[in-house]
Amino acid sequence: MIMPNESRTAGLPRAPAMRRRIALTRKQWIGLPVLAVVPVLALAGVFGERSTTTAARSTTIQIFVRYPERFRYRQVQSLEVSVRNVSTSPLDTVRVALDTSYVTRFAAVRIEPAPRTAFVVALTNLKPAETRLVAAELTGDQYGVQQGRVVVTSGVDSAAVALRTIVFP
C-alpha cells in the first residue's frame, strides 16, 4: 500500500538520457518543404486571378483577345475578342470561332452576340477601321490547364490566337 506522502516512482529506475530527434520518412522530408512553400507562393499572388491580352494580325483583320490566364473553380471570368477591319474595304462576314475543346471545359458559358453554330459568331458588314467585340463569360468547371484557340476568318484570310487558362481548385 502506498502512503499519501510516498512517491509512486520511488522504486523505479530513472529513464536513460536520450537525444531528441525528428524521425520522418523520405516522403515526409520532401513534403515538408513543399508545404512551407505553398503559403509563401499564395502570399506572392501565384494562385490569384490574372487575365492576359494577346493579339494577332492578318492582311484584313486584327484581333485582340483578353482572356483569364488563371482563376479558381466556380469563379466567373470574361473572355473578350476585339475584331478590327484593317483593310480599306468592308468585310461581308467575319467569323469568330472559339475552340470547342476550350469552351466546353467551362460551365454556364454565355457569348454575346449569340453564336448561330457551336461557338462561332458571325459579324456582318464590318466597315474599314471598325472594331467589334465578342464577349464570353466563363465559369471554372474543371481543374487544371485548359488550352484552345480563337480563330477569326474573313474569306480566305484568318488570324488565330492560342489560349491557356489554369483553373485552380
N, C-alpha and C. Protein backbone atom coordinates (compact mmCIF):
# COMPACT_ATOMS: atom_id res chain seq x y z
N MET A 1 0.83 -1.17 0.00
CA MET A 1 0.00 0.00 0.00
C MET A 1 0.89 1.25 0.00
N ILE A 2 0.51 2.22 -0.81
CA ILE A 2 1.28 3.45 -0.92
C ILE A 2 0.70 4.47 0.03
N MET A 3 1.56 5.03 0.76
CA MET A 3 1.15 6.05 1.71
C MET A 3 1.02 7.38 0.96
N PRO A 4 0.19 8.29 1.42
CA PRO A 4 -0.03 9.55 0.72
C PRO A 4 1.24 10.37 0.50
N ASN A 5 2.20 10.30 1.33
CA ASN A 5 3.40 11.12 1.18
C ASN A 5 4.49 10.42 0.39
N GLU A 6 4.32 9.16 0.08
CA GLU A 6 5.34 8.43 -0.65
C GLU A 6 5.23 8.70 -2.13
N SER A 7 6.33 8.70 -2.80
CA SER A 7 6.35 8.92 -4.25
C SER A 7 6.03 7.60 -4.95
N ARG A 8 5.28 7.67 -6.01
CA ARG A 8 4.92 6.47 -6.77
C ARG A 8 6.11 5.95 -7.55
N THR A 9 7.10 6.76 -7.80
CA THR A 9 8.26 6.34 -8.58
C THR A 9 9.46 6.05 -7.72
N ALA A 10 9.26 5.89 -6.48
CA ALA A 10 10.38 5.72 -5.56
C ALA A 10 11.19 4.48 -5.90
N GLY A 11 10.58 3.41 -6.31
CA GLY A 11 11.32 2.20 -6.55
C GLY A 11 11.69 2.00 -8.01
N LEU A 12 11.29 2.89 -8.93
CA LEU A 12 11.57 2.72 -10.36
C LEU A 12 12.90 3.37 -10.73
N PRO A 13 13.61 2.75 -11.68
CA PRO A 13 14.87 3.36 -12.12
C PRO A 13 14.59 4.61 -12.97
N ARG A 14 15.53 5.46 -13.04
CA ARG A 14 15.42 6.69 -13.80
C ARG A 14 15.54 6.37 -15.30
N ALA A 15 14.78 7.08 -16.16
CA ALA A 15 14.83 6.86 -17.60
C ALA A 15 16.18 7.29 -18.15
N PRO A 16 16.70 6.54 -19.15
CA PRO A 16 18.01 6.90 -19.70
C PRO A 16 17.91 8.22 -20.48
N ALA A 17 18.99 8.95 -20.51
CA ALA A 17 19.03 10.22 -21.25
C ALA A 17 19.11 9.88 -22.74
N MET A 18 18.21 10.49 -23.52
CA MET A 18 18.19 10.25 -24.98
C MET A 18 18.24 11.59 -25.69
N ARG A 19 18.92 11.59 -26.80
CA ARG A 19 18.97 12.79 -27.62
C ARG A 19 17.68 12.90 -28.42
N ARG A 20 17.06 14.05 -28.40
CA ARG A 20 15.81 14.24 -29.14
C ARG A 20 16.14 14.43 -30.62
N ARG A 21 15.32 13.82 -31.46
CA ARG A 21 15.50 14.00 -32.90
C ARG A 21 14.16 13.77 -33.59
N ILE A 22 14.06 14.34 -34.77
CA ILE A 22 12.84 14.20 -35.55
C ILE A 22 13.01 13.00 -36.47
N ALA A 23 12.03 12.13 -36.45
CA ALA A 23 12.08 10.94 -37.30
C ALA A 23 10.99 11.05 -38.36
N LEU A 24 11.40 11.34 -39.59
CA LEU A 24 10.47 11.46 -40.70
C LEU A 24 10.85 10.49 -41.80
N THR A 25 9.87 10.09 -42.57
CA THR A 25 10.16 9.24 -43.73
C THR A 25 10.67 10.11 -44.87
N ARG A 26 11.14 9.49 -45.93
CA ARG A 26 11.66 10.22 -47.09
C ARG A 26 10.58 11.12 -47.70
N LYS A 27 9.36 10.59 -47.84
CA LYS A 27 8.26 11.37 -48.40
C LYS A 27 7.94 12.57 -47.51
N GLN A 28 8.02 12.38 -46.21
CA GLN A 28 7.75 13.49 -45.30
C GLN A 28 8.82 14.57 -45.40
N TRP A 29 10.09 14.19 -45.57
CA TRP A 29 11.17 15.16 -45.73
C TRP A 29 10.97 15.97 -47.02
N ILE A 30 10.44 15.33 -48.06
CA ILE A 30 10.17 16.04 -49.32
C ILE A 30 8.94 16.91 -49.18
N GLY A 31 7.90 16.39 -48.54
CA GLY A 31 6.64 17.11 -48.42
C GLY A 31 6.68 18.30 -47.50
N LEU A 32 7.51 18.27 -46.49
CA LEU A 32 7.59 19.36 -45.53
C LEU A 32 7.99 20.69 -46.18
N PRO A 33 9.05 20.72 -46.99
CA PRO A 33 9.37 21.99 -47.67
C PRO A 33 8.28 22.43 -48.66
N VAL A 34 7.63 21.47 -49.29
CA VAL A 34 6.56 21.81 -50.22
C VAL A 34 5.42 22.49 -49.47
N LEU A 35 5.07 21.96 -48.32
CA LEU A 35 4.02 22.57 -47.51
C LEU A 35 4.42 23.97 -47.03
N ALA A 36 5.69 24.19 -46.81
CA ALA A 36 6.15 25.50 -46.38
C ALA A 36 6.14 26.50 -47.54
N VAL A 37 6.36 26.03 -48.77
CA VAL A 37 6.43 26.92 -49.93
C VAL A 37 5.04 27.37 -50.38
N VAL A 38 4.01 26.54 -50.23
CA VAL A 38 2.67 26.87 -50.72
C VAL A 38 2.14 28.18 -50.12
N PRO A 39 2.20 28.41 -48.81
CA PRO A 39 1.72 29.69 -48.30
C PRO A 39 2.53 30.89 -48.81
N VAL A 40 3.83 30.69 -48.98
CA VAL A 40 4.67 31.77 -49.50
C VAL A 40 4.25 32.12 -50.93
N LEU A 41 4.00 31.11 -51.75
CA LEU A 41 3.55 31.35 -53.12
C LEU A 41 2.18 32.02 -53.14
N ALA A 42 1.31 31.61 -52.23
CA ALA A 42 -0.02 32.23 -52.16
C ALA A 42 0.09 33.70 -51.78
N LEU A 43 0.95 34.02 -50.83
CA LEU A 43 1.15 35.42 -50.44
C LEU A 43 1.76 36.24 -51.57
N ALA A 44 2.55 35.58 -52.42
CA ALA A 44 3.17 36.27 -53.56
C ALA A 44 2.19 36.44 -54.72
N GLY A 45 0.99 35.87 -54.61
CA GLY A 45 -0.03 36.06 -55.64
C GLY A 45 0.01 35.05 -56.77
N VAL A 46 0.75 33.98 -56.61
CA VAL A 46 0.86 32.98 -57.68
C VAL A 46 -0.47 32.29 -57.95
N PHE A 47 -1.31 32.14 -56.94
CA PHE A 47 -2.57 31.42 -57.11
C PHE A 47 -3.77 32.36 -57.30
N GLY A 48 -3.51 33.63 -57.47
CA GLY A 48 -4.60 34.59 -57.64
C GLY A 48 -5.10 34.65 -59.08
N GLU A 49 -6.14 35.44 -59.27
CA GLU A 49 -6.71 35.61 -60.60
C GLU A 49 -5.79 36.50 -61.44
N ARG A 50 -5.72 36.17 -62.72
CA ARG A 50 -4.95 37.00 -63.63
C ARG A 50 -5.51 36.84 -65.03
N SER A 51 -5.61 37.96 -65.72
CA SER A 51 -6.01 37.95 -67.13
C SER A 51 -4.84 38.43 -67.96
N THR A 52 -4.84 38.07 -69.22
CA THR A 52 -3.79 38.50 -70.13
C THR A 52 -4.41 38.87 -71.47
N THR A 53 -3.69 39.65 -72.23
CA THR A 53 -4.15 40.07 -73.55
C THR A 53 -3.11 39.66 -74.58
N THR A 54 -3.59 39.15 -75.68
CA THR A 54 -2.72 38.77 -76.78
C THR A 54 -3.35 39.25 -78.08
N ALA A 55 -2.56 39.32 -79.13
CA ALA A 55 -3.06 39.88 -80.38
C ALA A 55 -2.52 39.10 -81.58
N ALA A 56 -3.22 39.25 -82.70
CA ALA A 56 -2.77 38.68 -83.98
C ALA A 56 -3.29 39.57 -85.09
N ARG A 57 -2.61 39.52 -86.22
CA ARG A 57 -3.00 40.37 -87.34
C ARG A 57 -2.78 39.62 -88.65
N SER A 58 -3.68 39.87 -89.58
CA SER A 58 -3.53 39.36 -90.95
C SER A 58 -3.65 40.56 -91.88
N THR A 59 -3.82 40.31 -93.16
CA THR A 59 -3.88 41.44 -94.10
C THR A 59 -5.16 42.25 -93.98
N THR A 60 -6.27 41.64 -93.54
CA THR A 60 -7.53 42.38 -93.46
C THR A 60 -8.08 42.54 -92.06
N ILE A 61 -7.64 41.72 -91.12
CA ILE A 61 -8.20 41.79 -89.77
C ILE A 61 -7.10 41.80 -88.71
N GLN A 62 -7.44 42.45 -87.61
CA GLN A 62 -6.57 42.47 -86.44
C GLN A 62 -7.43 42.07 -85.25
N ILE A 63 -6.89 41.20 -84.39
CA ILE A 63 -7.66 40.78 -83.22
C ILE A 63 -6.85 40.99 -81.94
N PHE A 64 -7.57 41.36 -80.92
CA PHE A 64 -7.04 41.44 -79.56
C PHE A 64 -7.92 40.55 -78.70
N VAL A 65 -7.29 39.63 -77.98
CA VAL A 65 -8.05 38.70 -77.13
C VAL A 65 -7.59 38.89 -75.69
N ARG A 66 -8.55 39.21 -74.83
CA ARG A 66 -8.31 39.30 -73.39
C ARG A 66 -9.01 38.11 -72.76
N TYR A 67 -8.24 37.28 -72.07
CA TYR A 67 -8.81 36.05 -71.50
C TYR A 67 -8.21 35.76 -70.13
N PRO A 68 -8.89 34.94 -69.32
CA PRO A 68 -8.36 34.61 -68.00
C PRO A 68 -7.17 33.67 -68.12
N GLU A 69 -6.07 34.06 -67.52
CA GLU A 69 -4.88 33.21 -67.53
C GLU A 69 -4.95 32.18 -66.40
N ARG A 70 -5.53 32.61 -65.28
CA ARG A 70 -5.74 31.69 -64.16
C ARG A 70 -6.84 32.24 -63.26
N PHE A 71 -7.63 31.32 -62.75
CA PHE A 71 -8.66 31.67 -61.78
C PHE A 71 -9.12 30.41 -61.08
N ARG A 72 -10.05 30.53 -60.16
CA ARG A 72 -10.46 29.41 -59.32
C ARG A 72 -11.76 28.76 -59.81
N TYR A 73 -11.92 27.55 -59.37
CA TYR A 73 -13.12 26.75 -59.65
C TYR A 73 -14.37 27.53 -59.24
N ARG A 74 -15.36 27.52 -60.10
CA ARG A 74 -16.66 28.16 -59.92
C ARG A 74 -16.64 29.68 -59.94
N GLN A 75 -15.51 30.29 -60.22
CA GLN A 75 -15.48 31.73 -60.40
C GLN A 75 -15.84 32.05 -61.84
N VAL A 76 -16.34 33.25 -62.06
CA VAL A 76 -16.74 33.68 -63.40
C VAL A 76 -15.71 34.69 -63.91
N GLN A 77 -15.23 34.46 -65.12
CA GLN A 77 -14.28 35.36 -65.76
C GLN A 77 -14.76 35.63 -67.19
N SER A 78 -14.25 36.70 -67.77
CA SER A 78 -14.67 37.04 -69.13
C SER A 78 -13.55 36.83 -70.14
N LEU A 79 -13.98 36.50 -71.34
CA LEU A 79 -13.10 36.37 -72.49
C LEU A 79 -13.63 37.36 -73.53
N GLU A 80 -12.77 38.26 -74.00
CA GLU A 80 -13.20 39.28 -74.94
C GLU A 80 -12.34 39.23 -76.19
N VAL A 81 -13.00 39.22 -77.35
CA VAL A 81 -12.31 39.22 -78.63
C VAL A 81 -12.70 40.50 -79.37
N SER A 82 -11.74 41.37 -79.59
CA SER A 82 -11.96 42.59 -80.37
C SER A 82 -11.47 42.35 -81.79
N VAL A 83 -12.35 42.54 -82.76
CA VAL A 83 -12.02 42.31 -84.16
C VAL A 83 -12.06 43.65 -84.88
N ARG A 84 -10.97 43.97 -85.57
CA ARG A 84 -10.88 45.26 -86.28
C ARG A 84 -10.58 45.01 -87.75
N ASN A 85 -11.30 45.71 -88.61
CA ASN A 85 -11.08 45.64 -90.05
C ASN A 85 -9.95 46.62 -90.38
N VAL A 86 -8.80 46.10 -90.78
CA VAL A 86 -7.64 46.95 -91.10
C VAL A 86 -7.50 47.15 -92.61
N SER A 87 -8.44 46.63 -93.39
CA SER A 87 -8.39 46.83 -94.83
C SER A 87 -9.12 48.11 -95.21
N THR A 88 -9.09 48.43 -96.49
CA THR A 88 -9.74 49.66 -96.97
C THR A 88 -11.15 49.40 -97.49
N SER A 89 -11.58 48.14 -97.47
CA SER A 89 -12.92 47.83 -97.95
C SER A 89 -13.71 47.09 -96.86
N PRO A 90 -15.05 47.18 -96.92
CA PRO A 90 -15.86 46.48 -95.91
C PRO A 90 -15.73 44.96 -96.04
N LEU A 91 -15.83 44.30 -94.91
CA LEU A 91 -15.79 42.83 -94.91
C LEU A 91 -17.21 42.32 -94.72
N ASP A 92 -17.64 41.47 -95.65
CA ASP A 92 -19.02 40.98 -95.64
C ASP A 92 -19.32 40.19 -94.36
N THR A 93 -18.57 39.13 -94.12
CA THR A 93 -18.79 38.31 -92.93
C THR A 93 -17.45 37.92 -92.32
N VAL A 94 -17.33 38.17 -91.04
CA VAL A 94 -16.14 37.77 -90.27
C VAL A 94 -16.63 36.77 -89.23
N ARG A 95 -16.00 35.60 -89.22
CA ARG A 95 -16.39 34.56 -88.27
C ARG A 95 -15.37 34.47 -87.13
N VAL A 96 -15.87 34.53 -85.92
CA VAL A 96 -15.04 34.39 -84.72
C VAL A 96 -15.37 33.02 -84.12
N ALA A 97 -14.40 32.10 -84.18
CA ALA A 97 -14.61 30.73 -83.70
C ALA A 97 -13.81 30.51 -82.42
N LEU A 98 -14.53 30.19 -81.37
CA LEU A 98 -13.89 29.83 -80.10
C LEU A 98 -13.74 28.31 -80.09
N ASP A 99 -12.55 27.84 -79.78
CA ASP A 99 -12.25 26.41 -79.81
C ASP A 99 -13.20 25.63 -78.90
N THR A 100 -13.88 24.65 -79.49
CA THR A 100 -14.85 23.85 -78.75
C THR A 100 -14.21 23.12 -77.58
N SER A 101 -13.00 22.59 -77.77
CA SER A 101 -12.34 21.85 -76.69
C SER A 101 -11.98 22.76 -75.52
N TYR A 102 -11.83 24.03 -75.78
CA TYR A 102 -11.54 25.00 -74.72
C TYR A 102 -12.83 25.41 -74.01
N VAL A 103 -13.82 25.83 -74.76
CA VAL A 103 -15.05 26.38 -74.19
C VAL A 103 -15.83 25.34 -73.41
N THR A 104 -15.85 24.09 -73.87
CA THR A 104 -16.63 23.05 -73.18
C THR A 104 -16.03 22.65 -71.84
N ARG A 105 -14.84 23.11 -71.51
CA ARG A 105 -14.24 22.82 -70.21
C ARG A 105 -14.73 23.80 -69.13
N PHE A 106 -15.59 24.75 -69.53
CA PHE A 106 -16.16 25.71 -68.59
C PHE A 106 -17.67 25.51 -68.52
N ALA A 107 -18.26 25.97 -67.44
CA ALA A 107 -19.71 25.83 -67.25
C ALA A 107 -20.38 27.17 -67.51
N ALA A 108 -21.67 27.11 -67.80
CA ALA A 108 -22.51 28.30 -67.96
C ALA A 108 -21.87 29.34 -68.88
N VAL A 109 -21.42 28.92 -70.04
CA VAL A 109 -20.78 29.82 -70.99
C VAL A 109 -21.86 30.65 -71.69
N ARG A 110 -21.69 31.98 -71.63
CA ARG A 110 -22.60 32.88 -72.33
C ARG A 110 -21.78 33.72 -73.28
N ILE A 111 -22.21 33.78 -74.53
CA ILE A 111 -21.47 34.51 -75.56
C ILE A 111 -22.38 35.58 -76.16
N GLU A 112 -21.83 36.79 -76.30
CA GLU A 112 -22.54 37.92 -76.92
C GLU A 112 -21.69 38.47 -78.04
N PRO A 113 -22.21 38.69 -79.22
CA PRO A 113 -23.51 38.29 -79.72
C PRO A 113 -23.63 36.77 -79.76
N ALA A 114 -24.86 36.32 -79.69
CA ALA A 114 -25.12 34.88 -79.60
C ALA A 114 -24.64 34.16 -80.86
N PRO A 115 -23.95 33.04 -80.70
CA PRO A 115 -23.48 32.28 -81.87
C PRO A 115 -24.63 31.54 -82.55
N ARG A 116 -24.54 31.42 -83.88
CA ARG A 116 -25.55 30.66 -84.63
C ARG A 116 -25.20 29.18 -84.66
N THR A 117 -23.92 28.87 -84.73
CA THR A 117 -23.46 27.48 -84.64
C THR A 117 -22.56 27.38 -83.41
N ALA A 118 -22.15 26.18 -83.08
CA ALA A 118 -21.40 25.94 -81.84
C ALA A 118 -20.17 26.83 -81.72
N PHE A 119 -20.27 27.82 -80.86
CA PHE A 119 -19.17 28.71 -80.50
C PHE A 119 -18.57 29.48 -81.68
N VAL A 120 -19.38 29.74 -82.72
CA VAL A 120 -18.94 30.53 -83.87
C VAL A 120 -19.88 31.73 -84.01
N VAL A 121 -19.32 32.92 -83.90
CA VAL A 121 -20.10 34.15 -84.01
C VAL A 121 -19.79 34.79 -85.37
N ALA A 122 -20.84 35.16 -86.08
CA ALA A 122 -20.68 35.82 -87.38
C ALA A 122 -20.90 37.32 -87.21
N LEU A 123 -19.91 38.09 -87.60
CA LEU A 123 -20.02 39.54 -87.59
C LEU A 123 -20.18 39.98 -89.04
N THR A 124 -21.27 40.65 -89.36
CA THR A 124 -21.54 41.02 -90.75
C THR A 124 -21.29 42.51 -90.98
N ASN A 125 -20.92 42.80 -92.23
CA ASN A 125 -20.71 44.17 -92.70
C ASN A 125 -19.79 44.97 -91.78
N LEU A 126 -18.57 44.48 -91.66
CA LEU A 126 -17.55 45.16 -90.84
C LEU A 126 -16.86 46.21 -91.72
N LYS A 127 -17.11 47.46 -91.43
CA LYS A 127 -16.60 48.57 -92.24
C LYS A 127 -15.10 48.78 -91.98
N PRO A 128 -14.40 49.47 -92.89
CA PRO A 128 -12.98 49.76 -92.67
C PRO A 128 -12.76 50.54 -91.37
N ALA A 129 -11.76 50.14 -90.62
CA ALA A 129 -11.37 50.73 -89.34
C ALA A 129 -12.41 50.53 -88.23
N GLU A 130 -13.43 49.73 -88.48
CA GLU A 130 -14.44 49.45 -87.45
C GLU A 130 -13.97 48.28 -86.58
N THR A 131 -14.29 48.37 -85.29
CA THR A 131 -13.95 47.32 -84.34
C THR A 131 -15.24 46.80 -83.71
N ARG A 132 -15.34 45.48 -83.61
CA ARG A 132 -16.49 44.85 -82.94
C ARG A 132 -15.97 43.94 -81.84
N LEU A 133 -16.82 43.73 -80.86
CA LEU A 133 -16.45 42.94 -79.69
C LEU A 133 -17.31 41.69 -79.59
N VAL A 134 -16.67 40.56 -79.33
CA VAL A 134 -17.35 39.32 -78.99
C VAL A 134 -16.93 39.01 -77.55
N ALA A 135 -17.90 38.88 -76.66
CA ALA A 135 -17.60 38.66 -75.24
C ALA A 135 -18.22 37.35 -74.77
N ALA A 136 -17.50 36.66 -73.92
CA ALA A 136 -17.99 35.40 -73.35
C ALA A 136 -17.72 35.41 -71.85
N GLU A 137 -18.67 34.85 -71.10
CA GLU A 137 -18.48 34.64 -69.66
C GLU A 137 -18.19 33.17 -69.44
N LEU A 138 -17.13 32.88 -68.71
CA LEU A 138 -16.71 31.51 -68.44
C LEU A 138 -16.72 31.25 -66.94
N THR A 139 -17.31 30.14 -66.54
CA THR A 139 -17.30 29.73 -65.14
C THR A 139 -16.40 28.50 -65.02
N GLY A 140 -15.38 28.58 -64.16
CA GLY A 140 -14.44 27.47 -63.99
C GLY A 140 -15.16 26.20 -63.56
N ASP A 141 -15.05 25.15 -64.37
CA ASP A 141 -15.78 23.92 -64.09
C ASP A 141 -14.87 22.71 -63.94
N GLN A 142 -13.71 22.73 -64.56
CA GLN A 142 -12.78 21.60 -64.48
C GLN A 142 -11.41 22.11 -64.08
N TYR A 143 -10.82 21.47 -63.08
CA TYR A 143 -9.49 21.86 -62.62
C TYR A 143 -8.45 21.58 -63.69
N GLY A 144 -7.37 22.33 -63.62
CA GLY A 144 -6.24 22.04 -64.48
C GLY A 144 -6.05 23.08 -65.56
N VAL A 145 -5.25 22.70 -66.56
CA VAL A 145 -4.91 23.59 -67.66
C VAL A 145 -5.87 23.36 -68.81
N GLN A 146 -6.51 24.44 -69.27
CA GLN A 146 -7.42 24.38 -70.41
C GLN A 146 -6.73 25.13 -71.56
N GLN A 147 -6.63 24.48 -72.70
CA GLN A 147 -5.97 25.11 -73.84
C GLN A 147 -6.88 25.10 -75.05
N GLY A 148 -6.72 26.13 -75.87
CA GLY A 148 -7.52 26.22 -77.08
C GLY A 148 -7.05 27.37 -77.94
N ARG A 149 -7.90 27.74 -78.91
CA ARG A 149 -7.57 28.83 -79.83
C ARG A 149 -8.81 29.64 -80.15
N VAL A 150 -8.57 30.86 -80.55
CA VAL A 150 -9.60 31.70 -81.14
C VAL A 150 -9.14 31.94 -82.57
N VAL A 151 -10.00 31.58 -83.52
CA VAL A 151 -9.67 31.76 -84.93
C VAL A 151 -10.69 32.71 -85.54
N VAL A 152 -10.20 33.77 -86.15
CA VAL A 152 -11.07 34.75 -86.81
C VAL A 152 -10.78 34.67 -88.30
N THR A 153 -11.84 34.44 -89.09
CA THR A 153 -11.66 34.31 -90.54
C THR A 153 -12.56 35.29 -91.28
N SER A 154 -12.05 35.74 -92.40
CA SER A 154 -12.80 36.59 -93.32
C SER A 154 -12.42 36.15 -94.73
N GLY A 155 -13.30 35.43 -95.38
CA GLY A 155 -12.97 34.87 -96.70
C GLY A 155 -11.85 33.87 -96.56
N VAL A 156 -10.73 34.12 -97.25
CA VAL A 156 -9.58 33.21 -97.16
C VAL A 156 -8.54 33.70 -96.16
N ASP A 157 -8.77 34.85 -95.57
CA ASP A 157 -7.84 35.44 -94.61
C ASP A 157 -8.22 35.03 -93.19
N SER A 158 -7.21 34.78 -92.35
CA SER A 158 -7.52 34.40 -90.97
C SER A 158 -6.41 34.85 -90.02
N ALA A 159 -6.78 34.96 -88.77
CA ALA A 159 -5.83 35.26 -87.69
C ALA A 159 -6.22 34.38 -86.51
N ALA A 160 -5.22 33.86 -85.80
CA ALA A 160 -5.50 32.95 -84.69
C ALA A 160 -4.66 33.30 -83.47
N VAL A 161 -5.21 33.01 -82.31
CA VAL A 161 -4.54 33.26 -81.04
C VAL A 161 -4.71 32.02 -80.18
N ALA A 162 -3.62 31.60 -79.53
CA ALA A 162 -3.68 30.45 -78.62
C ALA A 162 -4.08 30.93 -77.22
N LEU A 163 -4.90 30.12 -76.54
CA LEU A 163 -5.36 30.41 -75.18
C LEU A 163 -4.86 29.32 -74.24
N ARG A 164 -4.50 29.73 -73.02
CA ARG A 164 -4.10 28.76 -71.99
C ARG A 164 -4.56 29.30 -70.64
N THR A 165 -5.47 28.59 -70.02
CA THR A 165 -6.05 29.01 -68.75
C THR A 165 -5.87 27.92 -67.71
N ILE A 166 -5.46 28.31 -66.51
CA ILE A 166 -5.33 27.37 -65.40
C ILE A 166 -6.51 27.62 -64.45
N VAL A 167 -7.24 26.55 -64.12
CA VAL A 167 -8.33 26.65 -63.15
C VAL A 167 -7.87 25.93 -61.89
N PHE A 168 -7.74 26.71 -60.81
CA PHE A 168 -7.31 26.16 -59.53
C PHE A 168 -8.50 25.63 -58.74
N PRO A 169 -8.27 24.62 -57.90
CA PRO A 169 -9.37 24.13 -57.05
C PRO A 169 -9.79 25.15 -56.03
